[in-house]
Amino acid sequence: LAGEVGYDFHSAFITHGPIAGFVLQQAWVAS
C-alpha cells in the first residue's frame, strides 16, 4: 500500500512543491 500527498506552487513556466508519502509492504515466500 503506497500513498503520496503534495502541494503545488505555480508560476508561468514551472510548478513545484513538497511531497510526503509512505510505502507499506509484506513479502512472503513459502518453504
Full PDB file with SEQRES, HELIX, SHEET, SSBOND, CRYST1, ORIGX, SCALE, CONECT and MASTER records, all heavy atoms in Angstrom:
SEQRES   1 A   31  LEU ALA GLY GLU VAL GLY TYR ASP PHE HIS SER ALA PHE          
SEQRES   2 A   31  ILE THR HIS GLY PRO ILE ALA GLY PHE VAL LEU GLN GLN          
SEQRES   3 A   31  ALA TRP VAL ALA SER                                          
SHEET    1 AA1 2 ALA A   2  GLY A   6  0                                        
SHEET    2 AA1 2 ILE A  19  VAL A  23 -1                                        
SHEET    1 AA2 2 PHE A   9  HIS A  10  0                                        
SHEET    2 AA2 2 THR A  15  HIS A  16 -1                                        
CRYST1    1.000    1.000    1.000  90.00  90.00  90.00 P 1           1          
ORIGX1      1.000000  0.000000  0.000000        0.00000                         
ORIGX2      0.000000  1.000000  0.000000        0.00000                         
ORIGX3      0.000000  0.000000  1.000000        0.00000                         
SCALE1      1.000000  0.000000  0.000000        0.00000                         
SCALE2      0.000000  1.000000  0.000000        0.00000                         
SCALE3      0.000000  0.000000  1.000000        0.00000                         
ATOM      1  N   LEU A   1       0.872  -1.175   0.000  1.00  0.00           N  
ATOM      2  CA  LEU A   1       0.000   0.000   0.000  1.00  0.00           C  
ATOM      3  C   LEU A   1       0.904   1.219   0.000  1.00  0.00           C  
ATOM      4  O   LEU A   1       1.781   1.351   0.857  1.00  0.00           O  
ATOM      5  CB  LEU A   1      -0.908   0.005   1.235  1.00  0.00           C  
ATOM      6  CG  LEU A   1      -1.891   1.177   1.343  1.00  0.00           C  
ATOM      7  CD1 LEU A   1      -2.950   1.092   0.247  1.00  0.00           C  
ATOM      8  CD2 LEU A   1      -2.553   1.199   2.717  1.00  0.00           C  
ATOM      9  N   ALA A   2       0.721   2.102  -0.973  1.00  0.00           N  
ATOM     10  CA  ALA A   2       1.560   3.290  -1.102  1.00  0.00           C  
ATOM     11  C   ALA A   2       0.692   4.522  -1.301  1.00  0.00           C  
ATOM     12  O   ALA A   2      -0.349   4.461  -1.974  1.00  0.00           O  
ATOM     13  CB  ALA A   2       2.531   3.138  -2.272  1.00  0.00           C  
ATOM     14  N   GLY A   3       1.115   5.633  -0.734  1.00  0.00           N  
ATOM     15  CA  GLY A   3       0.361   6.867  -0.874  1.00  0.00           C  
ATOM     16  C   GLY A   3       1.267   8.080  -0.879  1.00  0.00           C  
ATOM     17  O   GLY A   3       2.367   8.057  -0.328  1.00  0.00           O  
ATOM     18  N   GLU A   4       0.811   9.143  -1.535  1.00  0.00           N  
ATOM     19  CA  GLU A   4       1.539  10.406  -1.590  1.00  0.00           C  
ATOM     20  C   GLU A   4       0.557  11.559  -1.468  1.00  0.00           C  
ATOM     21  O   GLU A   4      -0.597  11.455  -1.885  1.00  0.00           O  
ATOM     22  CB  GLU A   4       2.295  10.565  -2.918  1.00  0.00           C  
ATOM     23  CG  GLU A   4       3.538   9.724  -3.077  1.00  0.00           C  
ATOM     24  CD  GLU A   4       4.256  10.021  -4.377  1.00  0.00           C  
ATOM     25  OE1 GLU A   4       3.579  10.412  -5.351  1.00  0.00           O  
ATOM     26  OE2 GLU A   4       5.479   9.867  -4.422  1.00  0.00           O  
ATOM     27  N   VAL A   5       1.033  12.666  -0.914  1.00  0.00           N  
ATOM     28  CA  VAL A   5       0.280  13.910  -0.900  1.00  0.00           C  
ATOM     29  C   VAL A   5       1.270  15.040  -1.141  1.00  0.00           C  
ATOM     30  O   VAL A   5       2.427  14.966  -0.721  1.00  0.00           O  
ATOM     31  CB  VAL A   5      -0.471  14.098   0.439  1.00  0.00           C  
ATOM     32  CG1 VAL A   5       0.498  14.201   1.611  1.00  0.00           C  
ATOM     33  CG2 VAL A   5      -1.382  15.311   0.378  1.00  0.00           C  
ATOM     34  N   GLY A   6       0.819  16.080  -1.868  1.00  0.00           N  
ATOM     35  CA  GLY A   6       1.722  17.173  -2.176  1.00  0.00           C  
ATOM     36  C   GLY A   6       0.995  18.492  -2.360  1.00  0.00           C  
ATOM     37  O   GLY A   6      -0.245  18.534  -2.463  1.00  0.00           O  
ATOM     38  N   TYR A   7       1.762  19.566  -2.386  1.00  0.00           N  
ATOM     39  CA  TYR A   7       1.234  20.919  -2.586  1.00  0.00           C  
ATOM     40  C   TYR A   7       2.044  21.574  -3.697  1.00  0.00           C  
ATOM     41  O   TYR A   7       3.271  21.467  -3.737  1.00  0.00           O  
ATOM     42  CB  TYR A   7       1.334  21.740  -1.306  1.00  0.00           C  
ATOM     43  CG  TYR A   7       0.683  23.102  -1.403  1.00  0.00           C  
ATOM     44  CD1 TYR A   7      -0.669  23.265  -1.115  1.00  0.00           C  
ATOM     45  CD2 TYR A   7       1.417  24.227  -1.795  1.00  0.00           C  
ATOM     46  CE1 TYR A   7      -1.276  24.510  -1.208  1.00  0.00           C  
ATOM     47  CE2 TYR A   7       0.814  25.467  -1.903  1.00  0.00           C  
ATOM     48  CZ  TYR A   7      -0.539  25.602  -1.609  1.00  0.00           C  
ATOM     49  OH  TYR A   7      -1.140  26.835  -1.711  1.00  0.00           O  
ATOM     50  N   ASP A   8       1.353  22.267  -4.619  1.00  0.00           N  
ATOM     51  CA  ASP A   8       1.996  22.876  -5.776  1.00  0.00           C  
ATOM     52  C   ASP A   8       1.988  24.393  -5.688  1.00  0.00           C  
ATOM     53  O   ASP A   8       0.951  25.007  -5.381  1.00  0.00           O  
ATOM     54  CB  ASP A   8       1.289  22.456  -7.074  1.00  0.00           C  
ATOM     55  CG  ASP A   8       1.579  21.020  -7.458  1.00  0.00           C  
ATOM     56  OD1 ASP A   8       2.612  20.482  -7.010  1.00  0.00           O  
ATOM     57  OD2 ASP A   8       0.770  20.427  -8.191  1.00  0.00           O  
ATOM     58  N   PHE A   9       3.154  24.982  -5.987  1.00  0.00           N  
ATOM     59  CA  PHE A   9       3.278  26.419  -6.193  1.00  0.00           C  
ATOM     60  C   PHE A   9       3.391  26.642  -7.706  1.00  0.00           C  
ATOM     61  O   PHE A   9       4.168  25.964  -8.380  1.00  0.00           O  
ATOM     62  CB  PHE A   9       4.514  26.978  -5.485  1.00  0.00           C  
ATOM     63  CG  PHE A   9       4.498  26.796  -3.996  1.00  0.00           C  
ATOM     64  CD1 PHE A   9       5.156  25.710  -3.408  1.00  0.00           C  
ATOM     65  CD2 PHE A   9       3.840  27.694  -3.181  1.00  0.00           C  
ATOM     66  CE1 PHE A   9       5.166  25.543  -2.036  1.00  0.00           C  
ATOM     67  CE2 PHE A   9       3.830  27.535  -1.789  1.00  0.00           C  
ATOM     68  CZ  PHE A   9       4.489  26.454  -1.224  1.00  0.00           C  
ATOM     69  N   HIS A  10       2.636  27.602  -8.221  1.00  0.00           N  
ATOM     70  CA  HIS A  10       2.559  27.805  -9.665  1.00  0.00           C  
ATOM     71  C   HIS A  10       3.210  29.129 -10.073  1.00  0.00           C  
ATOM     72  O   HIS A  10       3.082  30.142  -9.387  1.00  0.00           O  
ATOM     73  CB  HIS A  10       1.098  27.813 -10.131  1.00  0.00           C  
ATOM     74  CG  HIS A  10       0.381  26.531  -9.874  1.00  0.00           C  
ATOM     75  ND1 HIS A  10       0.405  25.467 -10.740  1.00  0.00           N  
ATOM     76  CD2 HIS A  10      -0.389  26.139  -8.817  1.00  0.00           C  
ATOM     77  CE1 HIS A  10      -0.310  24.479 -10.245  1.00  0.00           C  
ATOM     78  NE2 HIS A  10      -0.807  24.861  -9.082  1.00  0.00           N  
ATOM     79  N   SER A  11       3.915  29.074 -11.210  1.00  0.00           N  
ATOM     80  CA  SER A  11       4.391  30.279 -11.872  1.00  0.00           C  
ATOM     81  C   SER A  11       4.191  30.077 -13.371  1.00  0.00           C  
ATOM     82  O   SER A  11       3.579  29.098 -13.800  1.00  0.00           O  
ATOM     83  CB  SER A  11       5.857  30.553 -11.530  1.00  0.00           C  
ATOM     84  OG  SER A  11       6.675  29.512 -12.009  1.00  0.00           O  
ATOM     85  N   ALA A  12       4.718  30.973 -14.177  1.00  0.00           N  
ATOM     86  CA  ALA A  12       4.421  30.947 -15.607  1.00  0.00           C  
ATOM     87  C   ALA A  12       4.882  29.650 -16.272  1.00  0.00           C  
ATOM     88  O   ALA A  12       4.164  29.059 -17.078  1.00  0.00           O  
ATOM     89  CB  ALA A  12       5.072  32.154 -16.285  1.00  0.00           C  
ATOM     90  N   PHE A  13       6.087  29.186 -15.941  1.00  0.00           N  
ATOM     91  CA  PHE A  13       6.656  28.038 -16.655  1.00  0.00           C  
ATOM     92  C   PHE A  13       6.988  26.853 -15.754  1.00  0.00           C  
ATOM     93  O   PHE A  13       7.450  25.830 -16.238  1.00  0.00           O  
ATOM     94  CB  PHE A  13       7.935  28.458 -17.399  1.00  0.00           C  
ATOM     95  CG  PHE A  13       7.708  29.547 -18.406  1.00  0.00           C  
ATOM     96  CD1 PHE A  13       8.086  30.843 -18.134  1.00  0.00           C  
ATOM     97  CD2 PHE A  13       7.099  29.268 -19.621  1.00  0.00           C  
ATOM     98  CE1 PHE A  13       7.872  31.859 -19.054  1.00  0.00           C  
ATOM     99  CE2 PHE A  13       6.884  30.275 -20.552  1.00  0.00           C  
ATOM    100  CZ  PHE A  13       7.269  31.566 -20.265  1.00  0.00           C  
ATOM    101  N   ILE A  14       6.773  26.982 -14.442  1.00  0.00           N  
ATOM    102  CA  ILE A  14       7.172  25.916 -13.532  1.00  0.00           C  
ATOM    103  C   ILE A  14       6.136  25.735 -12.433  1.00  0.00           C  
ATOM    104  O   ILE A  14       5.542  26.710 -11.957  1.00  0.00           O  
ATOM    105  CB  ILE A  14       8.571  26.207 -12.924  1.00  0.00           C  
ATOM    106  CG1 ILE A  14       9.006  25.063 -12.008  1.00  0.00           C  
ATOM    107  CG2 ILE A  14       8.564  27.523 -12.175  1.00  0.00           C  
ATOM    108  CD1 ILE A  14      10.421  25.204 -11.507  1.00  0.00           C  
ATOM    109  N   THR A  15       5.892  24.487 -12.089  1.00  0.00           N  
ATOM    110  CA  THR A  15       5.078  24.114 -10.935  1.00  0.00           C  
ATOM    111  C   THR A  15       5.966  23.292 -10.013  1.00  0.00           C  
ATOM    112  O   THR A  15       6.602  22.328 -10.453  1.00  0.00           O  
ATOM    113  CB  THR A  15       3.856  23.288 -11.360  1.00  0.00           C  
ATOM    114  OG1 THR A  15       3.056  24.053 -12.261  1.00  0.00           O  
ATOM    115  CG2 THR A  15       3.027  22.890 -10.155  1.00  0.00           C  
ATOM    116  N   HIS A  16       6.022  23.648  -8.723  1.00  0.00           N  
ATOM    117  CA  HIS A  16       6.925  22.944  -7.813  1.00  0.00           C  
ATOM    118  C   HIS A  16       6.313  22.889  -6.428  1.00  0.00           C  
ATOM    119  O   HIS A  16       5.412  23.677  -6.097  1.00  0.00           O  
ATOM    120  CB  HIS A  16       8.295  23.646  -7.767  1.00  0.00           C  
ATOM    121  CG  HIS A  16       8.223  25.076  -7.300  1.00  0.00           C  
ATOM    122  ND1 HIS A  16       8.453  25.451  -6.003  1.00  0.00           N  
ATOM    123  CD2 HIS A  16       7.926  26.221  -7.977  1.00  0.00           C  
ATOM    124  CE1 HIS A  16       8.308  26.762  -5.886  1.00  0.00           C  
ATOM    125  NE2 HIS A  16       7.989  27.257  -7.076  1.00  0.00           N  
ATOM    126  N   GLY A  17       6.800  21.947  -5.601  1.00  0.00           N  
ATOM    127  CA  GLY A  17       6.275  21.852  -4.262  1.00  0.00           C  
ATOM    128  C   GLY A  17       6.743  20.620  -3.516  1.00  0.00           C  
ATOM    129  O   GLY A  17       7.363  19.717  -4.084  1.00  0.00           O  
ATOM    130  N   PRO A  18       6.432  20.546  -2.206  1.00  0.00           N  
ATOM    131  CA  PRO A  18       6.869  19.418  -1.365  1.00  0.00           C  
ATOM    132  C   PRO A  18       5.967  18.193  -1.547  1.00  0.00           C  
ATOM    133  O   PRO A  18       4.817  18.296  -1.980  1.00  0.00           O  
ATOM    134  CB  PRO A  18       6.747  19.985   0.048  1.00  0.00           C  
ATOM    135  CG  PRO A  18       5.625  20.985  -0.062  1.00  0.00           C  
ATOM    136  CD  PRO A  18       5.738  21.592  -1.434  1.00  0.00           C  
ATOM    137  N   ILE A  19       6.526  17.030  -1.182  1.00  0.00           N  
ATOM    138  CA  ILE A  19       5.822  15.750  -1.247  1.00  0.00           C  
ATOM    139  C   ILE A  19       6.061  15.002   0.058  1.00  0.00           C  
ATOM    140  O   ILE A  19       7.166  15.016   0.606  1.00  0.00           O  
ATOM    141  CB  ILE A  19       6.318  14.868  -2.414  1.00  0.00           C  
ATOM    142  CG1 ILE A  19       6.286  15.622  -3.737  1.00  0.00           C  
ATOM    143  CG2 ILE A  19       5.506  13.586  -2.515  1.00  0.00           C  
ATOM    144  CD1 ILE A  19       6.962  14.852  -4.864  1.00  0.00           C  
ATOM    145  N   ALA A  20       5.021  14.326   0.552  1.00  0.00           N  
ATOM    146  CA  ALA A  20       5.143  13.405   1.682  1.00  0.00           C  
ATOM    147  C   ALA A  20       4.392  12.129   1.325  1.00  0.00           C  
ATOM    148  O   ALA A  20       3.355  12.180   0.655  1.00  0.00           O  
ATOM    149  CB  ALA A  20       4.596  14.021   2.963  1.00  0.00           C  
ATOM    150  N   GLY A  21       4.922  10.984   1.761  1.00  0.00           N  
ATOM    151  CA  GLY A  21       4.256   9.734   1.415  1.00  0.00           C  
ATOM    152  C   GLY A  21       4.727   8.576   2.262  1.00  0.00           C  
ATOM    153  O   GLY A  21       5.501   8.731   3.213  1.00  0.00           O  
ATOM    154  N   PHE A  22       4.252   7.373   1.903  1.00  0.00           N  
ATOM    155  CA  PHE A  22       4.617   6.153   2.622  1.00  0.00           C  
ATOM    156  C   PHE A  22       4.506   4.969   1.672  1.00  0.00           C  
ATOM    157  O   PHE A  22       3.783   5.011   0.668  1.00  0.00           O  
ATOM    158  CB  PHE A  22       3.691   5.938   3.827  1.00  0.00           C  
ATOM    159  CG  PHE A  22       2.261   5.655   3.454  1.00  0.00           C  
ATOM    160  CD1 PHE A  22       1.816   4.349   3.237  1.00  0.00           C  
ATOM    161  CD2 PHE A  22       1.359   6.696   3.274  1.00  0.00           C  
ATOM    162  CE1 PHE A  22       0.510   4.097   2.863  1.00  0.00           C  
ATOM    163  CE2 PHE A  22       0.045   6.441   2.900  1.00  0.00           C  
ATOM    164  CZ  PHE A  22      -0.382   5.143   2.698  1.00  0.00           C  
ATOM    165  N   VAL A  23       5.223   3.895   1.996  1.00  0.00           N  
ATOM    166  CA  VAL A  23       5.117   2.625   1.292  1.00  0.00           C  
ATOM    167  C   VAL A  23       5.129   1.520   2.338  1.00  0.00           C  
ATOM    168  O   VAL A  23       6.114   1.364   3.079  1.00  0.00           O  
ATOM    169  CB  VAL A  23       6.273   2.400   0.292  1.00  0.00           C  
ATOM    170  CG1 VAL A  23       6.083   1.057  -0.426  1.00  0.00           C  
ATOM    171  CG2 VAL A  23       6.363   3.528  -0.715  1.00  0.00           C  
ATOM    172  N   LEU A  24       4.036   0.752   2.425  1.00  0.00           N  
ATOM    173  CA  LEU A  24       3.931  -0.395   3.330  1.00  0.00           C  
ATOM    174  C   LEU A  24       3.956  -1.663   2.487  1.00  0.00           C  
ATOM    175  O   LEU A  24       3.247  -1.747   1.481  1.00  0.00           O  
ATOM    176  CB  LEU A  24       2.637  -0.341   4.140  1.00  0.00           C  
ATOM    177  CG  LEU A  24       2.352   0.962   4.891  1.00  0.00           C  
ATOM    178  CD1 LEU A  24       1.005   0.869   5.595  1.00  0.00           C  
ATOM    179  CD2 LEU A  24       3.456   1.269   5.891  1.00  0.00           C  
ATOM    180  N   GLN A  25       4.744  -2.657   2.894  1.00  0.00           N  
ATOM    181  CA  GLN A  25       4.886  -3.861   2.085  1.00  0.00           C  
ATOM    182  C   GLN A  25       5.141  -5.071   2.965  1.00  0.00           C  
ATOM    183  O   GLN A  25       5.846  -4.985   3.975  1.00  0.00           O  
ATOM    184  CB  GLN A  25       6.042  -3.712   1.094  1.00  0.00           C  
ATOM    185  CG  GLN A  25       6.203  -4.880   0.123  1.00  0.00           C  
ATOM    186  CD  GLN A  25       7.377  -4.691  -0.816  1.00  0.00           C  
ATOM    187  OE1 GLN A  25       8.412  -4.162  -0.416  1.00  0.00           O  
ATOM    188  NE2 GLN A  25       7.231  -5.109  -2.052  1.00  0.00           N  
ATOM    189  N   GLN A  26       4.544  -6.208   2.561  1.00  0.00           N  
ATOM    190  CA  GLN A  26       4.870  -7.501   3.166  1.00  0.00           C  
ATOM    191  C   GLN A  26       5.066  -8.525   2.061  1.00  0.00           C  
ATOM    192  O   GLN A  26       4.163  -8.782   1.271  1.00  0.00           O  
ATOM    193  CB  GLN A  26       3.777  -7.996   4.106  1.00  0.00           C  
ATOM    194  CG  GLN A  26       4.136  -9.314   4.782  1.00  0.00           C  
ATOM    195  CD  GLN A  26       3.051  -9.853   5.679  1.00  0.00           C  
ATOM    196  OE1 GLN A  26       2.089 -10.458   5.206  1.00  0.00           O  
ATOM    197  NE2 GLN A  26       3.180  -9.631   6.987  1.00  0.00           N  
ATOM    198  N   ALA A  27       6.276  -9.084   1.993  1.00  0.00           N  
ATOM    199  CA  ALA A  27       6.597 -10.123   1.020  1.00  0.00           C  
ATOM    200  C   ALA A  27       6.750 -11.443   1.761  1.00  0.00           C  
ATOM    201  O   ALA A  27       7.450 -11.515   2.781  1.00  0.00           O  
ATOM    202  CB  ALA A  27       7.869  -9.779   0.266  1.00  0.00           C  
ATOM    203  N   TRP A  28       6.111 -12.494   1.252  1.00  0.00           N  
ATOM    204  CA  TRP A  28       6.160 -13.826   1.866  1.00  0.00           C  
ATOM    205  C   TRP A  28       6.603 -14.845   0.827  1.00  0.00           C  
ATOM    206  O   TRP A  28       6.131 -14.814  -0.318  1.00  0.00           O  
ATOM    207  CB  TRP A  28       4.779 -14.202   2.401  1.00  0.00           C  
ATOM    208  CG  TRP A  28       4.656 -15.649   2.804  1.00  0.00           C  
ATOM    209  CD1 TRP A  28       5.122 -16.229   3.943  1.00  0.00           C  
ATOM    210  CD2 TRP A  28       4.010 -16.700   2.063  1.00  0.00           C  
ATOM    211  NE1 TRP A  28       4.821 -17.572   3.962  1.00  0.00           N  
ATOM    212  CE2 TRP A  28       4.136 -17.888   2.820  1.00  0.00           C  
ATOM    213  CE3 TRP A  28       3.359 -16.745   0.830  1.00  0.00           C  
ATOM    214  CZ2 TRP A  28       3.634 -19.106   2.378  1.00  0.00           C  
ATOM    215  CZ3 TRP A  28       2.854 -17.955   0.392  1.00  0.00           C  
ATOM    216  CH2 TRP A  28       2.978 -19.112   1.160  1.00  0.00           C  
ATOM    217  N   VAL A  29       7.522 -15.735   1.223  1.00  0.00           N  
ATOM    218  CA  VAL A  29       7.997 -16.806   0.361  1.00  0.00           C  
ATOM    219  C   VAL A  29       7.806 -18.124   1.091  1.00  0.00           C  
ATOM    220  O   VAL A  29       8.227 -18.270   2.255  1.00  0.00           O  
ATOM    221  CB  VAL A  29       9.475 -16.624  -0.022  1.00  0.00           C  
ATOM    222  CG1 VAL A  29       9.960 -17.794  -0.870  1.00  0.00           C  
ATOM    223  CG2 VAL A  29       9.674 -15.309  -0.769  1.00  0.00           C  
ATOM    224  N   ALA A  30       7.167 -19.095   0.446  1.00  0.00           N  
ATOM    225  CA  ALA A  30       6.883 -20.384   1.062  1.00  0.00           C  
ATOM    226  C   ALA A  30       8.146 -21.212   1.226  1.00  0.00           C  
ATOM    227  O   ALA A  30       9.147 -21.023   0.528  1.00  0.00           O  
ATOM    228  CB  ALA A  30       5.859 -21.146   0.217  1.00  0.00           C  
ATOM    229  N   SER A  31       8.109 -22.157   2.167  1.00  0.00           N  
ATOM    230  CA  SER A  31       9.236 -23.052   2.396  1.00  0.00           C  
ATOM    231  C   SER A  31       9.472 -23.947   1.185  1.00  0.00           C  
ATOM    232  O   SER A  31       8.557 -24.225   0.411  1.00  0.00           O  
ATOM    233  CB  SER A  31       8.980 -23.907   3.634  1.00  0.00           C  
ATOM    234  OG  SER A  31       7.810 -24.699   3.453  1.00  0.00           O  
TER     235      SER A  31                                                      
MASTER        0    0    0    0    4    0    0    6  234    1    0    3          
END                                                                             
